[in-house]
Amino acid sequence: KGARLKIADDAARANWGGLWHIPTYYQIVELLASTKSEWTRLNGVPGRLFTSIKDKTKSIFIPAGGDVVKGTILDTESYGFIWSSTLNKEHSAYAKYLMMWYGSAFIGDDIRSSGLSVRAVIG
């Protein structure tokens, strides 16, 4: 789908070190393909709970962090976005992301200067 961020540009690696990194496009595709998800609240925080289709005891909750537009945080109750480390093939100023809301979750593409959340993964 495109090149990956340089390690020096990976916010997860910079903040957590070790093998932590921003998930790739393919890791997000795998998440969507291997889980069922639902919009819910966990400890009062809205977001999407992704539960493994194979092992219902395994899940990950991604909070609705909204996005930042012109310095203002918006939509924290209704949308969640997390960056992937995969850049757009034609325009490296853009990258893939996971968008979640109460109705669904899907992969999109946005300019990298947009204020979206980062969810660190390891391995």
PDB file of N, CA and C in Angstrom:
ATOM      1  N   LYS A   1       0.821  -1.212   0.000  1.00  0.00           N
ATOM      2  CA  LYS A   1       0.000   0.000   0.000  1.00  0.00           C
ATOM      3  C   LYS A   1       0.850   1.255   0.000  1.00  0.00           C
ATOM      4  N   GLY A   2       2.106   1.173   0.408  1.00  0.00           N
ATOM      5  CA  GLY A   2       2.963   2.344   0.448  1.00  0.00           C
ATOM      6  C   GLY A   2       4.154   2.100   1.338  1.00  0.00           C
ATOM      7  N   ALA A   3       5.045   3.064   1.382  1.00  0.00           N
ATOM      8  CA  ALA A   3       6.231   2.972   2.225  1.00  0.00           C
ATOM      9  C   ALA A   3       5.842   3.187   3.686  1.00  0.00           C
ATOM     10  N   ARG A   4       6.737   2.812   4.582  1.00  0.00           N
ATOM     11  CA  ARG A   4       6.511   3.026   6.008  1.00  0.00           C
ATOM     12  C   ARG A   4       7.256   4.268   6.471  1.00  0.00           C
ATOM     13  N   LEU A   5       6.773   4.823   7.572  1.00  0.00           N
ATOM     14  CA  LEU A   5       7.489   5.913   8.212  1.00  0.00           C
ATOM     15  C   LEU A   5       8.909   5.478   8.545  1.00  0.00           C
ATOM     16  N   LYS A   6       9.825   6.404   8.524  1.00  0.00           N
ATOM     17  CA  LYS A   6      11.164   6.131   9.039  1.00  0.00           C
ATOM     18  C   LYS A   6      11.042   5.969  10.549  1.00  0.00           C
ATOM     19  N   ILE A   7      11.876   5.110  11.120  1.00  0.00           N
ATOM     20  CA  ILE A   7      11.835   4.890  12.570  1.00  0.00           C
ATOM     21  C   ILE A   7      11.964   6.219  13.317  1.00  0.00           C
ATOM     22  N   ALA A   8      12.779   7.121  12.814  1.00  0.00           N
ATOM     23  CA  ALA A   8      12.966   8.423  13.466  1.00  0.00           C
ATOM     24  C   ALA A   8      11.676   9.246  13.491  1.00  0.00           C
ATOM     25  N   ASP A   9      10.730   8.960  12.601  1.00  0.00           N
ATOM     26  CA  ASP A   9       9.463   9.682  12.537  1.00  0.00           C
ATOM     27  C   ASP A   9       8.317   8.958  13.240  1.00  0.00           C
ATOM     28  N   ASP A  10       8.602   7.795  13.819  1.00  0.00           N
ATOM     29  CA  ASP A  10       7.577   6.980  14.465  1.00  0.00           C
ATOM     30  C   ASP A  10       7.396   7.447  15.914  1.00  0.00           C
ATOM     31  N   ALA A  11       6.275   8.099  16.202  1.00  0.00           N
ATOM     32  CA  ALA A  11       6.026   8.660  17.538  1.00  0.00           C
ATOM     33  C   ALA A  11       5.980   7.583  18.621  1.00  0.00           C
ATOM     34  N   ALA A  12       5.472   6.418  18.306  1.00  0.00           N
ATOM     35  CA  ALA A  12       5.419   5.336  19.299  1.00  0.00           C
ATOM     36  C   ALA A  12       6.834   4.906  19.679  1.00  0.00           C
ATOM     37  N   ARG A  13       7.700   4.727  18.701  1.00  0.00           N
ATOM     38  CA  ARG A  13       9.089   4.331  18.971  1.00  0.00           C
ATOM     39  C   ARG A  13       9.806   5.425  19.754  1.00  0.00           C
ATOM     40  N   ALA A  14       9.583   6.683  19.366  1.00  0.00           N
ATOM     41  CA  ALA A  14      10.247   7.801  20.034  1.00  0.00           C
ATOM     42  C   ALA A  14       9.844   7.904  21.503  1.00  0.00           C
ATOM     43  N   ASN A  15       8.569   7.621  21.810  1.00  0.00           N
ATOM     44  CA  ASN A  15       8.077   7.777  23.178  1.00  0.00           C
ATOM     45  C   ASN A  15       8.200   6.523  24.030  1.00  0.00           C
ATOM     46  N   TRP A  16       8.111   5.340  23.422  1.00  0.00           N
ATOM     47  CA  TRP A  16       8.116   4.101  24.184  1.00  0.00           C
ATOM     48  C   TRP A  16       9.416   3.317  24.017  1.00  0.00           C
ATOM     49  N   GLY A  17      10.136   3.547  22.905  1.00  0.00           N
ATOM     50  CA  GLY A  17      11.409   2.860  22.682  1.00  0.00           C
ATOM     51  C   GLY A  17      11.223   1.397  22.318  1.00  0.00           C
ATOM     52  N   GLY A  18      12.325   0.642  22.400  1.00  0.00           N
ATOM     53  CA  GLY A  18      12.297  -0.796  22.145  1.00  0.00           C
ATOM     54  C   GLY A  18      11.708  -1.139  20.800  1.00  0.00           C
ATOM     55  N   LEU A  19      10.795  -2.129  20.798  1.00  0.00           N
ATOM     56  CA  LEU A  19      10.150  -2.589  19.569  1.00  0.00           C
ATOM     57  C   LEU A  19       8.772  -1.964  19.352  1.00  0.00           C
ATOM     58  N   TRP A  20       8.410  -0.982  20.181  1.00  0.00           N
ATOM     59  CA  TRP A  20       7.118  -0.319  20.015  1.00  0.00           C
ATOM     60  C   TRP A  20       7.113   0.478  18.725  1.00  0.00           C
ATOM     61  N   HIS A  21       5.975   0.501  18.046  1.00  0.00           N
ATOM     62  CA  HIS A  21       5.844   1.250  16.799  1.00  0.00           C
ATOM     63  C   HIS A  21       4.387   1.536  16.511  1.00  0.00           C
ATOM     64  N   ILE A  22       4.162   2.474  15.598  1.00  0.00           N
ATOM     65  CA  ILE A  22       2.816   2.736  15.095  1.00  0.00           C
ATOM     66  C   ILE A  22       2.434   1.550  14.213  1.00  0.00           C
ATOM     67  N   PRO A  23       1.210   1.020  14.330  1.00  0.00           N
ATOM     68  CA  PRO A  23       0.842  -0.149  13.524  1.00  0.00           C
ATOM     69  C   PRO A  23       0.891   0.139  12.025  1.00  0.00           C
ATOM     70  N   THR A  24       1.188  -0.887  11.260  1.00  0.00           N
ATOM     71  CA  THR A  24       1.193  -0.757   9.806  1.00  0.00           C
ATOM     72  C   THR A  24      -0.233  -0.862   9.279  1.00  0.00           C
ATOM     73  N   TYR A  25      -0.399  -0.499   8.036  1.00  0.00           N
ATOM     74  CA  TYR A  25      -1.677  -0.670   7.344  1.00  0.00           C
ATOM     75  C   TYR A  25      -2.130  -2.129   7.441  1.00  0.00           C
ATOM     76  N   TYR A  26      -1.186  -3.060   7.228  1.00  0.00           N
ATOM     77  CA  TYR A  26      -1.536  -4.484   7.239  1.00  0.00           C
ATOM     78  C   TYR A  26      -1.943  -4.968   8.621  1.00  0.00           C
ATOM     79  N   GLN A  27      -1.364  -4.400   9.671  1.00  0.00           N
ATOM     80  CA  GLN A  27      -1.791  -4.754  11.026  1.00  0.00           C
ATOM     81  C   GLN A  27      -3.211  -4.248  11.298  1.00  0.00           C
ATOM     82  N   ILE A  28      -3.548  -3.085  10.771  1.00  0.00           N
ATOM     83  CA  ILE A  28      -4.913  -2.581  10.938  1.00  0.00           C
ATOM     84  C   ILE A  28      -5.898  -3.422  10.127  1.00  0.00           C
ATOM     85  N   VAL A  29      -5.517  -3.810   8.905  1.00  0.00           N
ATOM     86  CA  VAL A  29      -6.361  -4.708   8.109  1.00  0.00           C
ATOM     87  C   VAL A  29      -6.597  -6.009   8.864  1.00  0.00           C
ATOM     88  N   GLU A  30      -5.538  -6.562   9.454  1.00  0.00           N
ATOM     89  CA  GLU A  30      -5.666  -7.807  10.227  1.00  0.00           C
ATOM     90  C   GLU A  30      -6.607  -7.614  11.417  1.00  0.00           C
ATOM     91  N   LEU A  31      -6.496  -6.482  12.098  1.00  0.00           N
ATOM     92  CA  LEU A  31      -7.396  -6.192  13.209  1.00  0.00           C
ATOM     93  C   LEU A  31      -8.849  -6.207  12.746  1.00  0.00           C
ATOM     94  N   LEU A  32      -9.139  -5.528  11.659  1.00  0.00           N
ATOM     95  CA  LEU A  32     -10.512  -5.466  11.159  1.00  0.00           C
ATOM     96  C   LEU A  32     -11.017  -6.827  10.684  1.00  0.00           C
ATOM     97  N   ALA A  33     -10.131  -7.626  10.073  1.00  0.00           N
ATOM     98  CA  ALA A  33     -10.534  -8.915   9.509  1.00  0.00           C
ATOM     99  C   ALA A  33     -10.691 -10.005  10.572  1.00  0.00           C
ATOM    100  N   SER A  34      -9.988  -9.889  11.683  1.00  0.00           N
ATOM    101  CA  SER A  34      -9.972 -10.993  12.649  1.00  0.00           C
ATOM    102  C   SER A  34     -10.757 -10.696  13.920  1.00  0.00           C
ATOM    103  N   THR A  35     -11.509  -9.587  13.914  1.00  0.00           N
ATOM    104  CA  THR A  35     -12.283  -9.231  15.105  1.00  0.00           C
ATOM    105  C   THR A  35     -13.714  -8.848  14.735  1.00  0.00           C
ATOM    106  N   LYS A  36     -14.555  -8.887  15.735  1.00  0.00           N
ATOM    107  CA  LYS A  36     -15.864  -8.244  15.674  1.00  0.00           C
ATOM    108  C   LYS A  36     -15.738  -7.040  16.578  1.00  0.00           C
ATOM    109  N   SER A  37     -16.400  -5.950  16.211  1.00  0.00           N
ATOM    110  CA  SER A  37     -16.248  -4.753  17.037  1.00  0.00           C
ATOM    111  C   SER A  37     -17.591  -4.128  17.341  1.00  0.00           C
ATOM    112  N   GLU A  38     -17.581  -3.390  18.442  1.00  0.00           N
ATOM    113  CA  GLU A  38     -18.789  -2.681  18.858  1.00  0.00           C
ATOM    114  C   GLU A  38     -18.406  -1.370  19.518  1.00  0.00           C
ATOM    115  N   TRP A  39     -19.248  -0.354  19.317  1.00  0.00           N
ATOM    116  CA  TRP A  39     -19.072   0.929  19.970  1.00  0.00           C
ATOM    117  C   TRP A  39     -19.592   0.782  21.384  1.00  0.00           C
ATOM    118  N   THR A  40     -18.803   1.185  22.354  1.00  0.00           N
ATOM    119  CA  THR A  40     -19.182   1.008  23.743  1.00  0.00           C
ATOM    120  C   THR A  40     -18.500   2.060  24.601  1.00  0.00           C
ATOM    121  N   ARG A  41     -18.685   1.963  25.898  1.00  0.00           N
ATOM    122  CA  ARG A  41     -17.969   2.802  26.856  1.00  0.00           C
ATOM    123  C   ARG A  41     -17.220   1.875  27.809  1.00  0.00           C
ATOM    124  N   LEU A  42     -15.970   2.220  28.068  1.00  0.00           N
ATOM    125  CA  LEU A  42     -15.156   1.478  29.023  1.00  0.00           C
ATOM    126  C   LEU A  42     -14.677   2.474  30.064  1.00  0.00           C
ATOM    127  N   ASN A  43     -15.082   2.249  31.307  1.00  0.00           N
ATOM    128  CA  ASN A  43     -14.770   3.196  32.388  1.00  0.00           C
ATOM    129  C   ASN A  43     -15.203   4.615  32.031  1.00  0.00           C
ATOM    130  N   GLY A  44     -16.355   4.726  31.375  1.00  0.00           N
ATOM    131  CA  GLY A  44     -16.917   6.016  31.020  1.00  0.00           C
ATOM    132  C   GLY A  44     -16.367   6.647  29.750  1.00  0.00           C
ATOM    133  N   VAL A  45     -15.401   5.974  29.104  1.00  0.00           N
ATOM    134  CA  VAL A  45     -14.767   6.515  27.905  1.00  0.00           C
ATOM    135  C   VAL A  45     -15.368   5.841  26.675  1.00  0.00           C
ATOM    136  N   PRO A  46     -15.887   6.628  25.711  1.00  0.00           N
ATOM    137  CA  PRO A  46     -16.434   6.027  24.496  1.00  0.00           C
ATOM    138  C   PRO A  46     -15.326   5.536  23.574  1.00  0.00           C
ATOM    139  N   GLY A  47     -15.628   4.476  22.844  1.00  0.00           N
ATOM    140  CA  GLY A  47     -14.670   3.948  21.881  1.00  0.00           C
ATOM    141  C   GLY A  47     -15.171   2.658  21.273  1.00  0.00           C
ATOM    142  N   ARG A  48     -14.283   1.967  20.575  1.00  0.00           N
ATOM    143  CA  ARG A  48     -14.648   0.727  19.893  1.00  0.00           C
ATOM    144  C   ARG A  48     -13.870  -0.414  20.516  1.00  0.00           C
ATOM    145  N   LEU A  49     -14.604  -1.462  20.899  1.00  0.00           N
ATOM    146  CA  LEU A  49     -14.018  -2.678  21.457  1.00  0.00           C
ATOM    147  C   LEU A  49     -13.925  -3.708  20.335  1.00  0.00           C
ATOM    148  N   PHE A  50     -12.694  -4.142  20.040  1.00  0.00           N
ATOM    149  CA  PHE A  50     -12.433  -5.147  19.019  1.00  0.00           C
ATOM    150  C   PHE A  50     -12.167  -6.462  19.735  1.00  0.00           C
ATOM    151  N   THR A  51     -12.990  -7.491  19.465  1.00  0.00           N
ATOM    152  CA  THR A  51     -12.855  -8.792  20.122  1.00  0.00           C
ATOM    153  C   THR A  51     -12.536  -9.848  19.084  1.00  0.00           C
ATOM    154  N   SER A  52     -11.521 -10.667  19.381  1.00  0.00           N
ATOM    155  CA  SER A  52     -11.081 -11.712  18.472  1.00  0.00           C
ATOM    156  C   SER A  52     -12.225 -12.653  18.116  1.00  0.00           C
ATOM    157  N   ILE A  53     -12.324 -12.988  16.842  1.00  0.00           N
ATOM    158  CA  ILE A  53     -13.328 -13.951  16.395  1.00  0.00           C
ATOM    159  C   ILE A  53     -12.975 -15.349  16.888  1.00  0.00           C
ATOM    160  N   LYS A  54     -11.673 -15.682  16.918  1.00  0.00           N
ATOM    161  CA  LYS A  54     -11.208 -17.008  17.325  1.00  0.00           C
ATOM    162  C   LYS A  54     -11.191 -17.215  18.824  1.00  0.00           C
ATOM    163  N   ASP A  55     -10.795 -16.201  19.579  1.00  0.00           N
ATOM    164  CA  ASP A  55     -10.653 -16.312  21.028  1.00  0.00           C
ATOM    165  C   ASP A  55     -11.330 -15.123  21.684  1.00  0.00           C
ATOM    166  N   LYS A  56     -12.565 -15.313  22.121  1.00  0.00           N
ATOM    167  CA  LYS A  56     -13.388 -14.218  22.643  1.00  0.00           C
ATOM    168  C   LYS A  56     -12.828 -13.603  23.930  1.00  0.00           C
ATOM    169  N   THR A  57     -11.782 -14.228  24.514  1.00  0.00           N
ATOM    170  CA  THR A  57     -11.169 -13.644  25.710  1.00  0.00           C
ATOM    171  C   THR A  57     -10.148 -12.572  25.357  1.00  0.00           C
ATOM    172  N   LYS A  58      -9.808 -12.420  24.060  1.00  0.00           N
ATOM    173  CA  LYS A  58      -8.825 -11.433  23.631  1.00  0.00           C
ATOM    174  C   LYS A  58      -9.526 -10.258  22.966  1.00  0.00           C
ATOM    175  N   SER A  59      -9.224  -9.079  23.479  1.00  0.00           N
ATOM    176  CA  SER A  59      -9.837  -7.887  22.907  1.00  0.00           C
ATOM    177  C   SER A  59      -8.916  -6.693  23.113  1.00  0.00           C
ATOM    178  N   ILE A  60      -9.221  -5.643  22.371  1.00  0.00           N
ATOM    179  CA  ILE A  60      -8.513  -4.376  22.508  1.00  0.00           C
ATOM    180  C   ILE A  60      -9.551  -3.258  22.405  1.00  0.00           C
ATOM    181  N   PHE A  61      -9.446  -2.301  23.306  1.00  0.00           N
ATOM    182  CA  PHE A  61     -10.335  -1.142  23.300  1.00  0.00           C
ATOM    183  C   PHE A  61      -9.549   0.051  22.785  1.00  0.00           C
ATOM    184  N   ILE A  62     -10.102   0.725  21.795  1.00  0.00           N
ATOM    185  CA  ILE A  62      -9.469   1.936  21.272  1.00  0.00           C
ATOM    186  C   ILE A  62     -10.431   3.097  21.532  1.00  0.00           C
ATOM    187  N   PRO A  63     -10.010   4.030  22.383  1.00  0.00           N
ATOM    188  CA  PRO A  63     -10.904   5.134  22.742  1.00  0.00           C
ATOM    189  C   PRO A  63     -11.148   6.100  21.592  1.00  0.00           C
ATOM    190  N   ALA A  64     -12.269   6.782  21.684  1.00  0.00           N
ATOM    191  CA  ALA A  64     -12.624   7.813  20.707  1.00  0.00           C
ATOM    192  C   ALA A  64     -11.872   9.082  21.084  1.00  0.00           C
ATOM    193  N   GLY A  65     -10.721   9.274  20.465  1.00  0.00           N
ATOM    194  CA  GLY A  65      -9.904  10.436  20.780  1.00  0.00           C
ATOM    195  C   GLY A  65     -10.248  11.662  19.955  1.00  0.00           C
ATOM    196  N   GLY A  66     -11.189  11.510  19.005  1.00  0.00           N
ATOM    197  CA  GLY A  66     -11.532  12.624  18.141  1.00  0.00           C
ATOM    198  C   GLY A  66     -10.376  12.989  17.226  1.00  0.00           C
ATOM    199  N   ASP A  67     -10.319  14.240  16.827  1.00  0.00           N
ATOM    200  CA  ASP A  67      -9.225  14.734  15.995  1.00  0.00           C
ATOM    201  C   ASP A  67      -8.983  16.197  16.336  1.00  0.00           C
ATOM    202  N   VAL A  68      -7.896  16.735  15.834  1.00  0.00           N
ATOM    203  CA  VAL A  68      -7.550  18.126  16.099  1.00  0.00           C
ATOM    204  C   VAL A  68      -7.642  18.907  14.794  1.00  0.00           C
ATOM    205  N   VAL A  69      -8.423  19.952  14.812  1.00  0.00           N
ATOM    206  CA  VAL A  69      -8.575  20.826  13.651  1.00  0.00           C
ATOM    207  C   VAL A  69      -8.262  22.252  14.100  1.00  0.00           C
ATOM    208  N   LYS A  70      -7.255  22.849  13.466  1.00  0.00           N
ATOM    209  CA  LYS A  70      -6.833  24.221  13.790  1.00  0.00           C
ATOM    210  C   LYS A  70      -6.623  24.406  15.288  1.00  0.00           C
ATOM    211  N   GLY A  71      -5.989  23.408  15.921  1.00  0.00           N
ATOM    212  CA  GLY A  71      -5.652  23.494  17.333  1.00  0.00           C
ATOM    213  C   GLY A  71      -6.760  23.148  18.302  1.00  0.00           C
ATOM    214  N   THR A  72      -7.933  22.780  17.794  1.00  0.00           N
ATOM    215  CA  THR A  72      -9.069  22.444  18.655  1.00  0.00           C
ATOM    216  C   THR A  72      -9.379  20.957  18.558  1.00  0.00           C
ATOM    217  N   ILE A  73      -9.504  20.294  19.715  1.00  0.00           N
ATOM    218  CA  ILE A  73      -9.859  18.876  19.744  1.00  0.00           C
ATOM    219  C   ILE A  73     -11.369  18.757  19.550  1.00  0.00           C
ATOM    220  N   LEU A  74     -11.759  17.958  18.558  1.00  0.00           N
ATOM    221  CA  LEU A  74     -13.176  17.797  18.211  1.00  0.00           C
ATOM    222  C   LEU A  74     -13.600  16.331  18.274  1.00  0.00           C
ATOM    223  N   ASP A  75     -14.876  16.095  18.460  1.00  0.00           N
ATOM    224  CA  ASP A  75     -15.523  14.791  18.278  1.00  0.00           C
ATOM    225  C   ASP A  75     -15.020  13.691  19.202  1.00  0.00           C
ATOM    226  N   THR A  76     -14.587  14.018  20.424  1.00  0.00           N
ATOM    227  CA  THR A  76     -14.052  12.995  21.319  1.00  0.00           C
ATOM    228  C   THR A  76     -15.116  12.030  21.838  1.00  0.00           C
ATOM    229  N   GLU A  77     -16.358  12.362  21.692  1.00  0.00           N
ATOM    230  CA  GLU A  77     -17.433  11.461  22.123  1.00  0.00           C
ATOM    231  C   GLU A  77     -17.924  10.572  20.992  1.00  0.00           C
ATOM    232  N   SER A  78     -17.570  10.908  19.751  1.00  0.00           N
ATOM    233  CA  SER A  78     -18.213  10.196  18.645  1.00  0.00           C
ATOM    234  C   SER A  78     -17.283   9.595  17.595  1.00  0.00           C
ATOM    235  N   TYR A  79     -16.008   9.972  17.582  1.00  0.00           N
ATOM    236  CA  TYR A  79     -15.088   9.439  16.573  1.00  0.00           C
ATOM    237  C   TYR A  79     -13.744   9.097  17.198  1.00  0.00           C
ATOM    238  N   GLY A  80     -13.097   8.111  16.614  1.00  0.00           N
ATOM    239  CA  GLY A  80     -11.729   7.787  16.988  1.00  0.00           C
ATOM    240  C   GLY A  80     -10.918   7.548  15.733  1.00  0.00           C
ATOM    241  N   PHE A  81      -9.694   8.018  15.745  1.00  0.00           N
ATOM    242  CA  PHE A  81      -8.786   7.836  14.618  1.00  0.00           C
ATOM    243  C   PHE A  81      -7.441   7.401  15.184  1.00  0.00           C
ATOM    244  N   ILE A  82      -6.784   6.439  14.544  1.00  0.00           N
ATOM    245  CA  ILE A  82      -5.398   6.143  14.896  1.00  0.00           C
ATOM    246  C   ILE A  82      -4.584   6.009  13.617  1.00  0.00           C
ATOM    247  N   TRP A  83      -3.402   6.593  13.664  1.00  0.00           N
ATOM    248  CA  TRP A  83      -2.514   6.544  12.514  1.00  0.00           C
ATOM    249  C   TRP A  83      -1.959   5.156  12.286  1.00  0.00           C
ATOM    250  N   SER A  84      -1.684   4.843  11.024  1.00  0.00           N
ATOM    251  CA  SER A  84      -0.830   3.710  10.695  1.00  0.00           C
ATOM    252  C   SER A  84       0.519   4.300  10.304  1.00  0.00           C
ATOM    253  N   SER A  85       1.513   3.459  10.202  1.00  0.00           N
ATOM    254  CA  SER A  85       2.844   3.920   9.792  1.00  0.00           C
ATOM    255  C   SER A  85       3.028   3.819   8.284  1.00  0.00           C
ATOM    256  N   THR A  86       1.951   3.491   7.576  1.00  0.00           N
ATOM    257  CA  THR A  86       2.032   3.294   6.123  1.00  0.00           C
ATOM    258  C   THR A  86       1.650   4.576   5.393  1.00  0.00           C
ATOM    259  N   LEU A  87       2.572   5.037   4.574  1.00  0.00           N
ATOM    260  CA  LEU A  87       2.367   6.269   3.821  1.00  0.00           C
ATOM    261  C   LEU A  87       1.606   5.993   2.529  1.00  0.00           C
ATOM    262  N   ASN A  88       0.928   7.006   2.035  1.00  0.00           N
ATOM    263  CA  ASN A  88       0.257   6.920   0.746  1.00  0.00           C
ATOM    264  C   ASN A  88       1.311   6.713  -0.338  1.00  0.00           C
ATOM    265  N   LYS A  89       1.037   5.801  -1.249  1.00  0.00           N
ATOM    266  CA  LYS A  89       1.994   5.443  -2.291  1.00  0.00           C
ATOM    267  C   LYS A  89       2.351   6.630  -3.185  1.00  0.00           C
ATOM    268  N   GLU A  90       1.389   7.459  -3.534  1.00  0.00           N
ATOM    269  CA  GLU A  90       1.623   8.578  -4.439  1.00  0.00           C
ATOM    270  C   GLU A  90       2.064   9.856  -3.723  1.00  0.00           C
ATOM    271  N   HIS A  91       1.624  10.034  -2.490  1.00  0.00           N
ATOM    272  CA  HIS A  91       1.878  11.286  -1.769  1.00  0.00           C
ATOM    273  C   HIS A  91       2.314  10.970  -0.337  1.00  0.00           C
ATOM    274  N   SER A  92       3.611  11.035  -0.072  1.00  0.00           N
ATOM    275  CA  SER A  92       4.123  10.673   1.255  1.00  0.00           C
ATOM    276  C   SER A  92       3.716  11.658   2.348  1.00  0.00           C
ATOM    277  N   ALA A  93       3.092  12.771   1.987  1.00  0.00           N
ATOM    278  CA  ALA A  93       2.560  13.691   2.993  1.00  0.00           C
ATOM    279  C   ALA A  93       1.268  13.140   3.596  1.00  0.00           C
ATOM    280  N   TYR A  94       0.745  12.043   3.028  1.00  0.00           N
ATOM    281  CA  TYR A  94      -0.481  11.401   3.505  1.00  0.00           C
ATOM    282  C   TYR A  94      -0.147  10.016   4.048  1.00  0.00           C
ATOM    283  N   ALA A  95      -0.965   9.555   4.995  1.00  0.00           N
ATOM    284  CA  ALA A  95      -0.780   8.217   5.559  1.00  0.00           C
ATOM    285  C   ALA A  95      -2.146   7.573   5.800  1.00  0.00           C
ATOM    286  N   LYS A  96      -2.139   6.260   5.934  1.00  0.00           N
ATOM    287  CA  LYS A  96      -3.358   5.496   6.220  1.00  0.00           C
ATOM    288  C   LYS A  96      -3.706   5.625   7.702  1.00  0.00           C
ATOM    289  N   TYR A  97      -4.977   5.532   8.020  1.00  0.00           N
ATOM    290  CA  TYR A  97      -5.417   5.559   9.408  1.00  0.00           C
ATOM    291  C   TYR A  97      -6.643   4.677   9.588  1.00  0.00           C
ATOM    292  N   LEU A  98      -6.920   4.330  10.826  1.00  0.00           N
ATOM    293  CA  LEU A  98      -8.148   3.628  11.193  1.00  0.00           C
ATOM    294  C   LEU A  98      -9.111   4.673  11.732  1.00  0.00           C
ATOM    295  N   MET A  99     -10.324   4.699  11.181  1.00  0.00           N
ATOM    296  CA  MET A  99     -11.375   5.578  11.688  1.00  0.00           C
ATOM    297  C   MET A  99     -12.454   4.713  12.303  1.00  0.00           C
ATOM    298  N   MET A 100     -12.926   5.129  13.471  1.00  0.00           N
ATOM    299  CA  MET A 100     -13.989   4.401  14.167  1.00  0.00           C
ATOM    300  C   MET A 100     -15.073   5.393  14.574  1.00  0.00           C
ATOM    301  N   TRP A 101     -16.271   4.930  14.547  1.00  0.00           N
ATOM    302  CA  TRP A 101     -17.400   5.690  15.058  1.00  0.00           C
ATOM    303  C   TRP A 101     -18.429   4.682  15.523  1.00  0.00           C
ATOM    304  N   TYR A 102     -19.611   5.141  15.960  1.00  0.00           N
ATOM    305  CA  TYR A 102     -20.581   4.218  16.532  1.00  0.00           C
ATOM    306  C   TYR A 102     -21.084   3.195  15.530  1.00  0.00           C
ATOM    307  N   GLY A 103     -21.044   3.497  14.236  1.00  0.00           N
ATOM    308  CA  GLY A 103     -21.600   2.595  13.239  1.00  0.00           C
ATOM    309  C   GLY A 103     -20.630   1.612  12.629  1.00  0.00           C
ATOM    310  N   SER A 104     -19.322   1.911  12.639  1.00  0.00           N
ATOM    311  CA  SER A 104     -18.399   1.066  11.898  1.00  0.00           C
ATOM    312  C   SER A 104     -16.954   1.454  12.193  1.00  0.00           C
ATOM    313  N   ALA A 105     -16.053   0.737  11.532  1.00  0.00           N
ATOM    314  CA  ALA A 105     -14.625   1.072  11.552  1.00  0.00           C
ATOM    315  C   ALA A 105     -14.090   0.796  10.158  1.00  0.00           C
ATOM    316  N   PHE A 106     -13.235   1.667   9.661  1.00  0.00           N
ATOM    317  CA  PHE A 106     -12.681   1.470   8.326  1.00  0.00           C
ATOM    318  C   PHE A 106     -11.338   2.173   8.204  1.00  0.00           C
ATOM    319  N   ILE A 107     -10.640   1.924   7.113  1.00  0.00           N
ATOM    320  CA  ILE A 107      -9.335   2.528   6.866  1.00  0.00           C
ATOM    321  C   ILE A 107      -9.505   3.707   5.917  1.00  0.00           C
ATOM    322  N   GLY A 108      -8.860   4.804   6.252  1.00  0.00           N
ATOM    323  CA  GLY A 108      -8.892   5.995   5.422  1.00  0.00           C
ATOM    324  C   GLY A 108      -7.483   6.492   5.152  1.00  0.00           C
ATOM    325  N   ASP A 109      -7.400   7.694   4.647  1.00  0.00           N
ATOM    326  CA  ASP A 109      -6.143   8.285   4.226  1.00  0.00           C
ATOM    327  C   ASP A 109      -6.247   9.789   4.492  1.00  0.00           C
ATOM    328  N   ASP A 110      -5.239  10.368   5.168  1.00  0.00           N
ATOM    329  CA  ASP A 110      -5.309  11.798   5.464  1.00  0.00           C
ATOM    330  C   ASP A 110      -3.901  12.381   5.467  1.00  0.00           C
ATOM    331  N   ILE A 111      -3.833  13.697   5.423  1.00  0.00           N
ATOM    332  CA  ILE A 111      -2.550  14.377   5.461  1.00  0.00           C
ATOM    333  C   ILE A 111      -1.926  14.172   6.848  1.00  0.00           C
ATOM    334  N   ARG A 112      -0.626  13.908   6.869  1.00  0.00           N
ATOM    335  CA  ARG A 112       0.054  13.542   8.107  1.00  0.00           C
ATOM    336  C   ARG A 112       0.095  14.660   9.138  1.00  0.00           C
ATOM    337  N   SER A 113      -0.163  15.875   8.744  1.00  0.00           N
ATOM    338  CA  SER A 113      -0.179  16.983   9.708  1.00  0.00           C
ATOM    339  C   SER A 113      -1.490  17.051  10.483  1.00  0.00           C
ATOM    340  N   SER A 114      -2.458  16.192  10.143  1.00  0.00           N
ATOM    341  CA  SER A 114      -3.720  16.143  10.886  1.00  0.00           C
ATOM    342  C   SER A 114      -3.464  15.625  12.294  1.00  0.00           C
ATOM    343  N   GLY A 115      -4.237  16.098  13.233  1.00  0.00           N
ATOM    344  CA  GLY A 115      -4.057  15.703  14.629  1.00  0.00           C
ATOM    345  C   GLY A 115      -4.830  14.464  14.990  1.00  0.00           C
ATOM    346  N   LEU A 116      -4.313  13.298  14.603  1.00  0.00           N
ATOM    347  CA  LEU A 116      -4.945  12.030  14.941  1.00  0.00           C
ATOM    348  C   LEU A 116      -4.145  11.319  16.020  1.00  0.00           C
ATOM    349  N   SER A 117      -4.762  10.375  16.707  1.00  0.00           N
ATOM    350  CA  SER A 117      -4.121   9.657  17.800  1.00  0.00           C
ATOM    351  C   SER A 117      -3.123   8.628  17.286  1.00  0.00           C
ATOM    352  N   VAL A 118      -2.240   8.228  18.185  1.00  0.00           N
ATOM    353  CA  VAL A 118      -1.282   7.153  17.932  1.00  0.00           C
ATOM    354  C   VAL A 118      -1.535   6.055  18.952  1.00  0.00           C
ATOM    355  N   ARG A 119      -1.644   4.838  18.488  1.00  0.00           N
ATOM    356  CA  ARG A 119      -1.802   3.662  19.362  1.00  0.00           C
ATOM    357  C   ARG A 119      -0.565   2.794  19.155  1.00  0.00           C
ATOM    358  N   ALA A 120       0.274   2.693  20.159  1.00  0.00           N
ATOM    359  CA  ALA A 120       1.503   1.914  20.030  1.00  0.00           C
ATOM    360  C   ALA A 120       1.219   0.412  20.055  1.00  0.00           C
ATOM    361  N   VAL A 121       1.938  -0.322  19.228  1.00  0.00           N
ATOM    362  CA  VAL A 121       1.920  -1.797  19.233  1.00  0.00           C
ATOM    363  C   VAL A 121       3.363  -2.276  19.344  1.00  0.00           C
ATOM    364  N   ILE A 122       3.549  -3.511  19.734  1.00  0.00           N
ATOM    365  CA  ILE A 122       4.913  -4.036  19.904  1.00  0.00           C
ATOM    366  C   ILE A 122       5.116  -5.251  18.993  1.00  0.00           C
ATOM    367  N   GLY A 123       6.348  -5.402  18.552  1.00  0.00           N
ATOM    368  CA  GLY A 123       6.685  -6.598  17.786  1.00  0.00           C
ATOM    369  C   GLY A 123       6.985  -6.304  16.342  1.00  0.00           C
TER     370      GLY A 123
END
